[in-house]
């Protein structure tokens, strides 16, 4: 029975609650390593004594205090684990780590059990997963396709169900491309949300640890546990995360317009992307076509510009003393840095800033972006014929994200018509990890794609009771601040997140106020009233004053009674403000009123 047990977090915790011994799960993880029959996945598997030491620290089953209790995981071999070797895919570079990477320590404290360290493109340079001096990992779904890199082994281990989740790193897409190629979730967080202490850098200013999992819920749960601020990491940022993920009923999604979509002739991939956009529309998304030209211009800077010099700083001594220890393709890429001067670096910074302003003007027009995770597939044979071109194509929709300080999540969608995995990536500004994860979770449930190569059914998403965190205030909005409407950006730019759609108690009158355009709603308490539709958003307390500063008379923030008997802060109108206003109470909401106006 253990052989068929899904290793998603909810299934394992349900089994532990029934008395399953976590030691048996670790034994099963080791059995699955052998059953996969792929010596290229793991570079190092922890000895039984090291596993037993971790199990001894678990204590009684307590998923409240240890949300990852007994959950097996793996880490990319450019991330340190105390007492274990770190190679970064280069034996000549190898060293024994004296301490856990900060994130590894945090995850172990949360109850997760480290199984081993996985293969990678050498020095995390590549998106293909075959640039390694060790055996190349096989794609979990089709060995003729590249596994994706640089976090190849980490993705394949999850896709086979060997571990519940794994850590990769992501600079140019290494936490997203392997996820797409193996049919799993790849979460690339806001830069600085996860500590880089104990990680061999690729480009330190652009790197982040990434998370692979079978489901969006599992990936986000791991992220929430790992996102602990590390004062020792000068690039770390404190990030407050929502505990529960709820997607807004309406949202604007930016996609490449017809002229800027790149599939390199892969019509099946193009059709898969169109089908996914239709799924988003069915969930309330407004699809907005955008010119991705500025984003592609930024993407080209990552390897063709001065940022390759950051990679050079990591292995400069090795290149000077033992150049033959570095794979020829990796060496050729990184040694490009030798032609750049300090002046070139500053010119690169200036160009990036110019392009960033143009690109963010595109992205700011929508709530999030949706792109194909990869434009097309790449086979091992194609890469043998051309080691560089296919790698560059795989980064089409990924290379610009970290340069723009954005967060992203790759999510599996319906299997393509030819049987290959479908995947899209949702992208948003820094700190909006919860927003895109909420939409990704809904999309994964709607598409019900296979979970990697496991054959396990997609578990139902857990029901949530949306509530504001302690450092947030729940705020009700009744008009143009609702999702998908013109003023919603005034909330989202301040870090607000959607909680729920509901109604007031049936004791309010609703008005379209005099003046304008634009039209403004006014909500007034009245015994002779009705229940009025509204949305509740969680707004950071630190931004509440900034939001209320722009509220014009006769509107203000008061306390609203909701249909379920609870109360929440929200927009109210002074009674004097209804002079000359149109009573629209019978519409029972702003959306229905605006729809009626549009129809006439």
Protein backbone atom coordinates (compact mmCIF):
# COMPACT_ATOMS: atom_id res chain seq x y z
CA UNK A 1 0.00 0.00 0.00
CA UNK A 2 2.87 2.36 0.80
CA UNK A 3 4.13 1.89 -2.76
CA UNK A 4 0.99 3.59 -4.09
CA UNK A 5 0.72 6.32 -1.43
CA UNK A 6 0.76 9.79 -3.03
CA UNK A 7 3.48 11.97 -1.55
CA UNK A 8 1.56 15.24 -1.69
CA UNK A 9 1.50 16.93 1.71
CA UNK A 10 -2.20 16.40 2.45
CA UNK A 11 -2.03 12.66 1.66
CA UNK A 12 1.07 12.14 3.79
CA UNK A 13 -0.33 14.09 6.71
CA UNK A 14 -3.59 12.12 6.52
CA UNK A 15 -1.56 8.90 6.66
CA UNK A 16 0.55 10.17 9.56
CA UNK A 17 -2.62 11.06 11.46
CA UNK A 18 -3.62 7.39 11.08
CA UNK A 19 -0.32 6.25 12.59
CA UNK A 20 2.02 5.82 9.63
CA UNK A 21 5.68 5.84 10.73
CA UNK A 22 7.68 8.55 8.91
CA UNK A 23 10.66 6.18 8.85
CA UNK A 24 8.62 3.96 6.51
CA UNK A 25 8.02 6.94 4.22
CA UNK A 26 11.76 7.63 4.03
CA UNK A 27 12.38 3.99 3.18
CA UNK A 28 9.74 4.25 0.47
CA UNK A 29 11.42 7.38 -0.90
CA UNK A 30 14.65 5.42 -1.21
CA UNK A 31 12.81 2.56 -2.91
CA UNK A 32 11.37 5.05 -5.41
CA UNK A 33 14.86 6.34 -6.21
CA UNK A 34 15.80 2.82 -7.27
CA UNK A 35 12.52 2.24 -9.07
CA UNK A 36 13.05 5.34 -11.19
CA UNK A 37 16.12 3.65 -12.64
CA UNK A 38 17.83 6.97 -13.33
CA UNK A 39 21.30 7.48 -11.83
CA UNK A 40 21.31 11.08 -13.05
CA UNK A 41 18.63 12.40 -10.66
CA UNK A 42 20.59 12.44 -7.39
CA UNK A 43 24.25 13.32 -6.93
CA UNK A 44 24.16 12.47 -3.24
CA UNK A 45 21.67 10.55 -1.10
CA UNK A 46 21.85 10.98 2.66
CA UNK A 47 23.05 8.03 4.69
CA UNK A 48 20.58 6.22 7.01
CA UNK A 49 22.22 7.74 10.09
CA UNK A 50 21.63 11.26 8.76
CA UNK A 51 18.00 10.43 8.05
CA UNK A 52 17.54 8.93 11.49
CA UNK A 53 18.97 12.05 13.11
CA UNK A 54 16.35 14.14 11.33
CA UNK A 55 13.53 11.77 12.27
CA UNK A 56 14.60 11.92 15.91
CA UNK A 57 13.95 15.67 15.89
CA UNK A 58 10.34 15.36 14.73
CA UNK A 59 8.60 14.63 18.02
CA UNK A 60 4.91 13.73 18.00
CA UNK A 61 2.86 14.42 14.88
CA UNK A 62 2.02 18.11 15.06
CA UNK A 63 1.34 19.74 11.67
CA UNK A 64 0.25 22.96 13.36
CA UNK A 65 3.62 23.77 14.87
CA UNK A 66 5.54 21.89 12.15
CA UNK A 67 3.57 22.36 8.91
CA UNK A 68 5.97 20.11 6.95
CA UNK A 69 6.14 17.33 9.57
CA UNK A 70 7.59 14.19 8.00
CA UNK A 71 7.59 15.53 4.44
CA UNK A 72 10.51 14.25 2.31
CA UNK A 73 12.35 16.77 0.14
CA UNK A 74 15.48 17.17 -1.97
CA UNK A 75 17.70 20.13 -2.77
CA UNK A 76 19.68 21.16 -5.81
CA UNK A 77 23.39 20.56 -5.34
CA UNK A 78 24.30 24.23 -5.28
CA UNK A 79 22.49 24.54 -1.92
CA UNK A 80 24.29 23.55 1.28
CA UNK A 81 23.31 20.82 3.72
CA UNK A 82 25.42 20.48 6.86
CA UNK A 83 28.00 17.72 6.64
CA UNK A 84 27.15 16.90 3.02
CA UNK A 85 29.08 17.72 -0.17
CA UNK A 86 28.15 20.64 -2.42
CA UNK A 87 29.44 20.33 -5.99
CA UNK A 88 27.45 22.88 -8.06
CA UNK A 89 27.82 20.24 -10.78
CA UNK A 90 31.63 20.47 -10.80
CA UNK A 91 33.73 17.90 -8.89
CA UNK A 92 36.76 20.22 -8.83
CA UNK A 93 34.69 22.86 -7.03
CA UNK A 94 33.23 20.48 -4.40
CA UNK A 95 33.38 21.19 -0.66
CA UNK A 96 31.74 19.83 2.46
CA UNK A 97 29.21 22.28 3.86
CA UNK A 98 29.75 23.27 7.46
CA UNK A 99 26.13 24.32 7.97
CA UNK A 100 22.73 24.15 6.35
CA UNK A 101 21.74 26.84 3.91
CA UNK A 102 19.40 29.17 5.81
CA UNK A 103 16.31 27.94 3.96
CA UNK A 104 17.24 24.28 4.45
CA UNK A 105 17.52 24.88 8.19
CA UNK A 106 14.14 26.63 8.25
CA UNK A 107 12.49 23.75 6.37
CA UNK A 108 14.02 21.13 8.65
CA UNK A 109 12.77 23.09 11.65
CA UNK A 110 9.31 22.98 10.05
CA UNK A 111 9.53 19.16 10.04
CA UNK A 112 10.69 18.45 6.48
CA UNK A 113 13.15 15.56 6.02
CA UNK A 114 16.03 16.01 3.57
CA UNK A 115 16.55 12.94 1.38
CA UNK A 116 19.38 14.02 -0.88
CA UNK A 117 20.94 16.46 -3.33
CA UNK A 118 20.10 16.60 -7.00
CA UNK A 119 21.84 17.07 -10.32
CA UNK A 120 22.00 20.37 -12.19
CA UNK A 121 23.46 22.19 -15.13
CA UNK A 122 26.97 23.02 -14.00
CA UNK A 123 27.08 26.23 -11.93
CA UNK A 124 23.37 26.64 -12.66
CA UNK A 125 24.21 27.82 -16.18
CA UNK A 126 21.61 26.52 -18.60
CA UNK A 127 17.93 25.74 -19.09
CA UNK A 128 18.33 22.31 -20.65
CA UNK A 129 19.53 20.07 -17.80
CA UNK A 130 22.20 18.19 -19.74
CA UNK A 131 25.23 20.38 -18.97
CA UNK A 132 26.59 18.13 -16.27
CA UNK A 133 29.71 15.95 -15.92
CA UNK A 134 27.53 13.37 -14.17
CA UNK A 135 24.91 11.14 -15.82
CA UNK A 136 22.22 13.34 -17.37
CA UNK A 137 18.80 13.07 -15.67
CA UNK A 138 16.06 11.73 -17.91
CA UNK A 139 12.88 13.69 -18.42
CA UNK A 140 10.30 11.95 -16.21
CA UNK A 141 7.65 11.96 -18.97
CA UNK A 142 9.66 11.34 -22.14
CA UNK A 143 13.39 10.53 -22.11
CA UNK A 144 13.72 11.90 -25.65
CA UNK A 145 12.97 15.40 -24.30
CA UNK A 146 15.52 17.31 -22.25
CA UNK A 147 14.74 17.38 -18.50
CA UNK A 148 15.12 21.14 -18.31
CA UNK A 149 17.60 23.03 -16.21
CA UNK A 150 19.42 24.15 -14.48
CA UNK A 151 17.38 22.50 -11.68
CA UNK A 152 17.02 19.25 -13.61
CA UNK A 153 17.30 16.64 -10.87
CA UNK A 154 15.07 18.57 -8.49
CA UNK A 155 12.23 18.69 -11.02
CA UNK A 156 12.58 15.06 -12.10
CA UNK A 157 12.61 13.85 -8.47
CA UNK A 158 9.26 15.55 -7.83
CA UNK A 159 7.78 14.42 -11.15
CA UNK A 160 8.52 10.79 -10.21
CA UNK A 161 6.96 11.24 -6.76
CA UNK A 162 10.23 10.41 -5.01
CA UNK A 163 9.90 13.48 -2.79
CA UNK A 164 6.99 15.77 -1.99
CA UNK A 165 8.88 18.91 -2.97
CA UNK A 166 12.34 20.03 -3.89
CA UNK A 167 14.40 23.17 -3.97
CA UNK A 168 15.96 24.53 -7.13
CA UNK A 169 17.36 27.93 -7.95
CA UNK A 170 16.14 30.37 -10.57
CA UNK A 171 18.01 33.17 -12.33
CA UNK A 172 16.81 32.87 -15.92
CA UNK A 173 13.98 30.36 -15.54
CA UNK A 174 15.61 27.36 -13.89
CA UNK A 175 12.70 27.00 -11.48
CA UNK A 176 10.08 27.17 -14.24
CA UNK A 177 11.40 25.53 -17.41
CA UNK A 178 12.09 22.12 -15.75
CA UNK A 179 8.64 22.28 -14.16
CA UNK A 180 7.02 22.76 -17.57
CA UNK A 181 9.01 19.96 -19.19
CA UNK A 182 8.12 17.48 -16.41
CA UNK A 183 4.50 18.46 -15.82
CA UNK A 184 4.78 19.90 -12.30
CA UNK A 185 4.55 23.23 -10.47
CA UNK A 186 7.52 25.59 -10.30
CA UNK A 187 7.26 28.54 -7.90
CA UNK A 188 9.77 31.36 -8.39
CA UNK A 189 9.25 33.79 -5.53
CA UNK A 190 9.87 37.48 -5.17
CA UNK A 191 13.61 38.11 -5.06
CA UNK A 192 14.86 38.18 -1.48
CA UNK A 193 11.83 36.39 -0.03
CA UNK A 194 13.94 33.25 0.43
CA UNK A 195 17.41 33.64 1.90
CA UNK A 196 20.40 32.99 -0.35
CA UNK A 197 22.73 32.24 2.58
CA UNK A 198 24.39 28.90 1.85
CA UNK A 199 23.62 28.94 -1.87
CA UNK A 200 26.34 28.94 -4.54
CA UNK A 201 25.35 32.00 -6.57
CA UNK A 202 24.92 32.22 -10.31
CA UNK A 203 24.01 35.92 -10.50
CA UNK A 204 23.71 37.01 -6.91
CA UNK A 205 21.62 40.09 -7.65
CA UNK A 206 19.08 38.02 -9.61
CA UNK A 207 19.07 34.59 -7.95
CA UNK A 208 16.39 33.03 -5.83
CA UNK A 209 15.76 29.58 -4.44
CA UNK A 210 12.72 28.11 -6.20
CA UNK A 211 10.28 25.38 -5.22
CA UNK A 212 9.04 22.37 -7.19
CA UNK A 213 5.92 20.48 -6.14
CA UNK A 214 3.09 18.50 -7.67
CA UNK A 215 0.41 21.01 -6.68
CA UNK A 216 0.19 24.75 -6.31
CA UNK A 217 -1.06 24.33 -2.74
CA UNK A 218 1.99 22.29 -1.75
CA UNK A 219 4.42 24.71 -3.42
CA UNK A 220 2.87 27.68 -1.65
CA UNK A 221 2.78 25.88 1.70
CA UNK A 222 6.51 25.22 1.43
CA UNK A 223 7.13 28.80 0.35
CA UNK A 224 5.17 30.15 3.32
CA UNK A 225 7.23 28.00 5.68
CA UNK A 226 10.54 28.94 4.05
CA UNK A 227 9.98 32.70 3.72
CA UNK A 228 11.70 33.68 6.95
CA UNK A 229 13.71 36.89 6.88
CA UNK A 230 17.47 36.35 7.11
CA UNK A 231 19.29 39.44 8.39
CA UNK A 232 22.61 37.90 7.36
CA UNK A 233 21.62 38.00 3.68
CA UNK A 234 22.08 41.56 2.45
CA UNK A 235 19.69 40.89 -0.45
CA UNK A 236 16.93 39.47 1.76
CA UNK A 237 13.58 41.24 2.06
CA UNK A 238 10.91 40.70 4.70
CA UNK A 239 7.74 39.48 3.00
CA UNK A 240 4.34 39.08 4.65
CA UNK A 241 2.48 36.16 3.08
CA UNK A 242 -1.22 35.41 3.03
CA UNK A 243 -2.04 32.16 4.79
CA UNK A 244 -4.94 31.28 2.48
CA UNK A 245 -5.14 31.66 -1.30
CA UNK A 246 -8.32 33.07 -2.80
CA UNK A 247 -8.56 34.18 -6.42
CA UNK A 248 -10.55 37.32 -7.19
CA UNK A 249 -13.69 36.71 -9.27
CA UNK A 250 -12.48 39.09 -12.00
CA UNK A 251 -8.94 40.02 -13.00
CA UNK A 252 -7.05 41.42 -15.98
CA UNK A 253 -4.48 39.12 -17.55
CA UNK A 254 -1.85 40.44 -19.94
CA UNK A 255 -0.70 38.08 -22.70
CA UNK A 256 1.60 38.49 -25.70
CA UNK A 257 -0.28 39.92 -28.65
CA UNK A 258 -0.38 38.02 -31.93
CA UNK A 259 2.65 39.87 -33.29
CA UNK A 260 4.81 39.11 -30.24
CA UNK A 261 3.88 35.49 -29.55
CA UNK A 262 6.82 33.17 -30.11
CA UNK A 263 6.30 29.43 -30.62
CA UNK A 264 9.04 28.76 -33.21
CA UNK A 265 6.60 26.89 -35.43
CA UNK A 266 5.07 24.76 -32.65
CA UNK A 267 1.38 25.04 -33.53
CA UNK A 268 0.42 22.49 -30.88
CA UNK A 269 1.93 24.70 -28.20
CA UNK A 270 0.10 27.71 -29.62
CA UNK A 271 -3.20 25.83 -29.47
CA UNK A 272 -2.49 24.72 -25.90
CA UNK A 273 -1.88 28.32 -24.84
CA UNK A 274 -5.11 29.50 -26.49
CA UNK A 275 -7.05 26.75 -24.69
CA UNK A 276 -5.59 27.83 -21.36
CA UNK A 277 -6.58 31.45 -21.99
CA UNK A 278 -10.13 30.24 -22.57
CA UNK A 279 -10.02 28.48 -19.18
CA UNK A 280 -8.95 31.75 -17.60
CA UNK A 281 -11.80 33.59 -19.31
CA UNK A 282 -14.24 31.06 -17.87
CA UNK A 283 -12.86 31.96 -14.44
CA UNK A 284 -13.57 35.66 -14.93
CA UNK A 285 -10.33 36.82 -16.53
CA UNK A 286 -10.28 39.67 -18.98
CA UNK A 287 -7.54 38.85 -21.48
CA UNK A 288 -5.54 41.90 -22.57
CA UNK A 289 -3.11 41.56 -25.47
CA UNK A 290 0.18 43.41 -24.98
CA UNK A 291 3.31 44.06 -27.00
CA UNK A 292 5.99 41.92 -25.34
CA UNK A 293 8.79 43.52 -27.34
CA UNK A 294 10.21 45.45 -24.35
CA UNK A 295 10.18 42.29 -22.24
CA UNK A 296 12.08 40.33 -24.88
CA UNK A 297 14.65 43.13 -25.15
CA UNK A 298 15.29 42.80 -21.42
CA UNK A 299 15.47 39.01 -21.67
CA UNK A 300 18.28 39.25 -24.21
CA UNK A 301 20.39 41.23 -21.74
CA UNK A 302 20.71 38.35 -19.30
CA UNK A 303 23.23 36.28 -21.27
CA UNK A 304 24.22 38.69 -24.03
CA UNK A 305 24.89 41.53 -21.59
CA UNK A 306 27.11 42.24 -18.62
CA UNK A 307 25.18 40.06 -16.16
CA UNK A 308 27.24 37.10 -17.29
CA UNK A 309 30.07 38.78 -15.35
CA UNK A 310 28.24 37.92 -12.13
CA UNK A 311 28.63 34.25 -12.98
CA UNK A 312 32.31 34.91 -13.66
CA UNK A 313 32.87 36.24 -10.13
CA UNK A 314 31.84 32.86 -8.69
CA UNK A 315 34.35 30.70 -10.55
CA UNK A 316 37.05 33.17 -11.61
CA UNK A 317 39.77 31.36 -9.67
CA UNK A 318 38.69 27.97 -11.03
CA UNK A 319 38.72 29.26 -14.60
CA UNK A 320 42.19 30.67 -14.07
CA UNK A 321 43.70 27.63 -12.33
CA UNK A 322 41.73 24.65 -13.70
CA UNK A 323 39.79 25.77 -16.80
CA UNK A 324 39.44 22.18 -17.99
CA UNK A 325 37.35 21.42 -14.86
CA UNK A 326 34.52 23.51 -16.32
CA UNK A 327 32.45 22.02 -19.15
CA UNK A 328 33.32 23.60 -22.52
CA UNK A 329 29.82 25.02 -23.13
CA UNK A 330 29.63 26.42 -19.60
CA UNK A 331 33.14 27.84 -19.86
CA UNK A 332 32.38 29.49 -23.20
CA UNK A 333 29.28 31.20 -21.78
CA UNK A 334 30.89 32.47 -18.60
CA UNK A 335 34.17 33.56 -20.19
CA UNK A 336 32.22 36.08 -22.27
CA UNK A 337 32.57 38.24 -19.17
CA UNK A 338 36.26 38.76 -19.93
CA UNK A 339 35.42 41.06 -22.85
CA UNK A 340 33.37 43.47 -20.69
CA UNK A 341 34.71 46.51 -18.86
CA UNK A 342 33.34 48.34 -15.83
CA UNK A 343 32.09 50.99 -18.22
CA UNK A 344 30.17 48.29 -20.12
CA UNK A 345 28.56 47.25 -16.86
CA UNK A 346 27.25 50.74 -16.18
CA UNK A 347 26.00 51.04 -19.75
CA UNK A 348 24.13 47.80 -19.18
CA UNK A 349 22.54 49.15 -16.00
CA UNK A 350 21.43 52.30 -17.81
CA UNK A 351 19.91 50.35 -20.69
CA UNK A 352 18.10 48.03 -18.30
CA UNK A 353 16.61 50.97 -16.44
CA UNK A 354 15.33 52.49 -19.68
CA UNK A 355 13.83 49.20 -20.81
CA UNK A 356 12.44 48.47 -17.33
CA UNK A 357 10.40 51.67 -17.35
CA UNK A 358 8.96 50.78 -20.74
CA UNK A 359 8.29 47.15 -19.79
CA UNK A 360 6.65 47.92 -16.45
CA UNK A 361 4.35 50.40 -18.15
CA UNK A 362 3.13 47.41 -20.17
CA UNK A 363 2.79 45.14 -17.14
CA UNK A 364 1.11 47.78 -14.94
CA UNK A 365 -1.89 47.83 -17.29
CA UNK A 366 -3.00 44.42 -15.97
CA UNK A 367 -3.20 42.45 -12.71
CA UNK A 368 -0.86 39.70 -13.89
CA UNK A 369 0.79 38.28 -17.00
CA UNK A 370 0.24 34.83 -18.46
CA UNK A 371 2.77 33.33 -20.86
CA UNK A 372 3.61 29.87 -22.15
CA UNK A 373 6.20 28.47 -19.74
CA UNK A 374 8.21 27.38 -22.77
CA UNK A 375 7.60 28.34 -26.42
CA UNK A 376 8.30 24.83 -27.70
CA UNK A 377 9.99 21.59 -26.68
CA UNK A 378 13.62 20.61 -27.12
CA UNK A 379 14.85 17.06 -27.63
CA UNK A 380 18.16 15.65 -26.49
CA UNK A 381 19.07 15.01 -30.13
CA UNK A 382 18.39 18.64 -31.10
CA UNK A 383 20.61 19.83 -28.28
CA UNK A 384 23.43 17.53 -29.31
CA UNK A 385 23.32 19.15 -32.74
CA UNK A 386 23.13 22.70 -31.34
CA UNK A 387 24.11 23.13 -27.65
CA UNK A 388 23.13 26.82 -27.49
CA UNK A 389 20.16 27.65 -29.74
CA UNK A 390 17.52 25.41 -28.12
CA UNK A 391 18.63 26.57 -24.67
CA UNK A 392 18.07 30.19 -25.67
CA UNK A 393 14.61 29.41 -27.05
CA UNK A 394 13.56 27.75 -23.80
CA UNK A 395 14.20 31.06 -21.99
CA UNK A 396 11.96 33.15 -24.25
CA UNK A 397 9.29 33.72 -21.61
CA UNK A 398 11.48 33.39 -18.51
CA UNK A 399 14.68 35.42 -18.89
CA UNK A 400 13.13 38.84 -18.25
CA UNK A 401 11.34 38.04 -14.98
CA UNK A 402 14.15 38.40 -12.44
CA UNK A 403 15.66 41.38 -14.23
CA UNK A 404 12.27 43.09 -13.70
CA UNK A 405 12.05 41.96 -10.03
CA UNK A 406 8.85 40.01 -10.61
CA UNK A 407 7.50 36.79 -9.12
CA UNK A 408 6.23 33.86 -11.18
CA UNK A 409 4.69 30.41 -10.94
CA UNK A 410 4.65 27.72 -13.64
CA UNK A 411 1.51 25.59 -13.47
CA UNK A 412 0.63 22.46 -15.44
CA UNK A 413 -2.49 22.75 -17.62
CA UNK A 414 -4.28 20.32 -19.91
CA UNK A 415 -2.08 17.86 -21.77
CA UNK A 416 -1.27 19.00 -25.30
CA UNK A 417 -2.94 17.34 -28.28
CA UNK A 418 0.27 15.37 -28.94
CA UNK A 419 0.46 14.05 -25.35
CA UNK A 420 3.19 16.35 -24.14
CA UNK A 421 2.61 18.34 -20.94
CA UNK A 422 0.94 21.74 -21.11
CA UNK A 423 2.16 24.56 -18.89
CA UNK A 424 1.75 28.29 -18.48
CA UNK A 425 3.48 30.74 -16.18
CA UNK A 426 1.71 33.49 -14.26
CA UNK A 427 3.82 36.57 -13.51
CA UNK A 428 3.26 39.64 -11.33
CA UNK A 429 5.20 42.34 -9.54
CA UNK A 430 7.32 41.74 -6.46
CA UNK A 431 5.37 40.79 -3.36
CA UNK A 432 2.36 39.54 -5.33
CA UNK A 433 3.23 35.87 -4.87
CA UNK A 434 -0.10 35.08 -3.19
CA UNK A 435 -2.13 36.68 -5.98
CA UNK A 436 -0.59 34.59 -8.76
CA UNK A 437 -0.56 31.42 -6.65
CA UNK A 438 -4.31 31.84 -6.02
CA UNK A 439 -5.02 32.07 -9.75
CA UNK A 440 -2.59 29.22 -10.49
CA UNK A 441 -4.35 27.01 -7.95
CA UNK A 442 -7.72 27.59 -9.59
CA UNK A 443 -6.23 26.98 -13.04
CA UNK A 444 -4.64 23.70 -11.96
CA UNK A 445 -7.94 22.50 -10.49
CA UNK A 446 -9.86 23.48 -13.64
CA UNK A 447 -7.39 21.84 -16.02
CA UNK A 448 -6.74 18.76 -13.84
CA UNK A 449 -3.48 17.95 -15.62
CA UNK A 450 -1.55 14.80 -14.66
CA UNK A 451 0.79 15.15 -11.68
CA UNK A 452 4.15 14.68 -13.36
CA UNK A 453 4.77 11.00 -14.10
CA UNK A 454 3.12 9.72 -10.91
CA UNK A 455 -0.33 8.77 -12.18
CA UNK A 456 -1.78 10.09 -8.92
CA UNK A 457 -5.08 11.96 -8.98
CA UNK A 458 -5.04 15.69 -8.40
CA UNK A 459 -6.12 16.22 -4.77
CA UNK A 460 -9.00 18.57 -4.16
CA UNK A 461 -7.86 22.00 -3.07
CA UNK A 462 -8.50 22.56 0.62
CA UNK A 463 -11.42 24.81 1.45
CA UNK A 464 -10.34 28.08 2.99
CA UNK A 465 -11.90 30.58 5.34
CA UNK A 466 -10.53 33.85 4.02
CA UNK A 467 -9.50 36.29 6.72
CA UNK A 468 -7.16 39.23 7.09
CA UNK A 469 -3.83 38.60 8.78
CA UNK A 470 -2.89 40.44 11.95
CA UNK A 471 -1.03 43.10 9.99
CA UNK A 472 -3.93 43.65 7.57
CA UNK A 473 -7.36 45.25 7.71
CA UNK A 474 -10.39 43.73 5.97
CA UNK A 475 -11.96 46.42 3.80
CA UNK A 476 -15.29 46.21 1.93
CA UNK A 477 -15.62 47.92 -1.45
CA UNK A 478 -18.87 48.36 -3.35
CA UNK A 479 -17.94 50.17 -6.57
CA UNK A 480 -15.08 50.72 -8.97
CA UNK A 481 -12.54 49.35 -6.46
CA UNK A 482 -13.91 45.83 -6.98
CA UNK A 483 -11.89 43.29 -8.96
CA UNK A 484 -11.63 43.98 -12.66
CA UNK A 485 -13.03 47.51 -12.35
CA UNK A 486 -11.15 50.75 -13.06
CA UNK A 487 -10.04 51.64 -9.53
CA UNK A 488 -9.07 48.16 -8.32
CA UNK A 489 -5.43 49.03 -9.01
CA UNK A 490 -5.59 51.56 -6.15
CA UNK A 491 -5.90 48.56 -3.84
CA UNK A 492 -3.60 46.11 -5.56
CA UNK A 493 -0.70 48.56 -5.91
CA UNK A 494 -0.78 48.86 -2.12
CA UNK A 495 -0.54 45.08 -1.70
CA UNK A 496 -4.22 44.37 -1.08
CA UNK A 497 -5.47 40.84 -1.74
CA UNK A 498 -8.95 39.52 -2.40
CA UNK A 499 -10.76 37.76 0.45
CA UNK A 500 -14.34 37.15 -0.63
CA UNK A 501 -17.44 38.39 -2.47
CA UNK A 502 -20.53 38.75 -0.31
CA UNK A 503 -23.41 41.12 0.52
CA UNK A 504 -24.30 43.66 3.14
CA UNK A 505 -27.09 43.03 5.59
CA UNK A 506 -30.46 44.04 3.99
CA UNK A 507 -30.51 47.51 5.51
CA UNK A 508 -28.68 49.74 3.01
CA UNK A 509 -29.73 52.09 0.22
CA UNK A 510 -27.44 52.34 -2.79
CA UNK A 511 -26.96 55.41 -4.98
CA UNK A 512 -25.16 56.60 -8.08
CA UNK A 513 -23.93 59.95 -6.83
CA UNK A 514 -24.38 63.21 -8.68
CA UNK A 515 -21.44 64.62 -10.60
CA UNK A 516 -18.81 62.90 -12.62
CA UNK A 517 -17.81 61.29 -14.81
CA UNK A 518 -16.74 58.89 -13.56
CA UNK A 519 -19.83 57.58 -11.82
CA UNK A 520 -19.40 56.96 -8.08
CA UNK A 521 -21.48 54.72 -5.81
CA UNK A 522 -22.78 55.74 -2.39
CA UNK A 523 -23.88 53.28 0.30
CA UNK A 524 -26.14 54.63 3.07
CA UNK A 525 -27.52 52.74 6.05
CA UNK A 526 -31.34 52.60 5.99
CA UNK A 527 -33.93 50.36 7.59
CA UNK A 528 -35.85 50.39 4.31
CA UNK A 529 -32.97 48.96 2.33
CA UNK A 530 -31.63 45.86 0.60
CA UNK A 531 -28.60 43.58 0.57
CA UNK A 532 -25.91 45.12 -1.66
CA UNK A 533 -23.15 43.12 -3.35
CA UNK A 534 -19.58 43.90 -2.29
CA UNK A 535 -16.07 42.51 -2.15
CA UNK A 536 -13.81 42.28 0.89
CA UNK A 537 -10.10 42.87 0.43
CA UNK A 538 -7.25 42.56 2.92
CA UNK A 539 -5.17 45.74 2.90
CA UNK A 540 -1.84 46.01 4.76
CA UNK A 541 -2.30 48.17 7.85
CA UNK A 542 0.83 50.06 6.91
CA UNK A 543 -0.84 51.22 3.67
CA UNK A 544 -4.33 51.96 5.06
CA UNK A 545 -3.64 55.64 5.67
CA UNK A 546 -2.25 56.06 2.18
CA UNK A 547 -5.42 54.52 0.73
CA UNK A 548 -7.90 56.55 2.77
CA UNK A 549 -6.07 59.82 2.05
CA UNK A 550 -7.50 59.79 -1.46
CA UNK A 551 -11.16 59.22 -0.53
CA UNK A 552 -13.24 62.28 -1.51
CA UNK A 553 -16.26 63.73 0.28
CA UNK A 554 -19.03 62.61 0.81
CA UNK A 555 -17.47 59.14 1.00
CA UNK A 556 -15.65 57.76 4.01
CA UNK A 557 -14.73 54.54 5.80
CA UNK A 558 -17.16 53.22 8.40
CA UNK A 559 -18.36 49.89 9.76
CA UNK A 560 -20.65 47.79 7.56
CA UNK A 561 -22.96 44.99 8.64
CA UNK A 562 -22.65 41.93 6.42
CA UNK A 563 -25.27 39.35 5.47
CA UNK A 564 -23.76 36.74 7.80
CA UNK A 565 -24.02 39.06 10.81
CA UNK A 566 -20.33 40.00 10.89
CA UNK A 567 -18.96 43.50 10.55
CA UNK A 568 -16.19 44.92 8.40
CA UNK A 569 -14.73 48.31 7.63
CA UNK A 570 -15.85 49.69 4.30
CA UNK A 571 -17.07 52.55 2.15
CA UNK A 572 -20.08 54.52 3.40
CA UNK A 573 -21.65 57.75 2.15
CA UNK A 574 -22.83 60.69 4.21
CA UNK A 575 -26.66 61.04 3.82
CA UNK A 576 -26.21 64.62 2.57
CA UNK A 577 -24.25 63.21 -0.36
CA UNK A 578 -27.35 61.61 -1.83
CA UNK A 579 -28.81 64.97 -2.89
CA UNK A 580 -29.40 64.75 -6.62
CA UNK A 581 -28.23 61.11 -6.67
CA UNK A 582 -29.94 58.25 -8.51
CA UNK A 583 -31.31 55.55 -6.20
CA UNK A 584 -30.04 52.26 -7.62
CA UNK A 585 -30.83 50.02 -4.66
CA UNK A 586 -33.00 47.75 -6.81
CA UNK A 587 -29.93 46.74 -8.81
CA UNK A 588 -28.43 45.30 -5.57
CA UNK A 589 -24.87 45.97 -6.72
CA UNK A 590 -22.59 48.16 -8.81
CA UNK A 591 -21.78 45.53 -11.42
CA UNK A 592 -25.44 44.92 -12.28
CA UNK A 593 -26.05 48.66 -12.42
CA UNK A 594 -23.13 49.25 -14.76
CA UNK A 595 -24.19 46.29 -16.91
CA UNK A 596 -27.66 47.83 -17.22
CA UNK A 597 -26.14 51.13 -18.29
CA UNK A 598 -23.99 49.40 -20.87
CA UNK A 599 -26.98 47.59 -22.34
CA UNK A 600 -28.83 50.86 -22.90
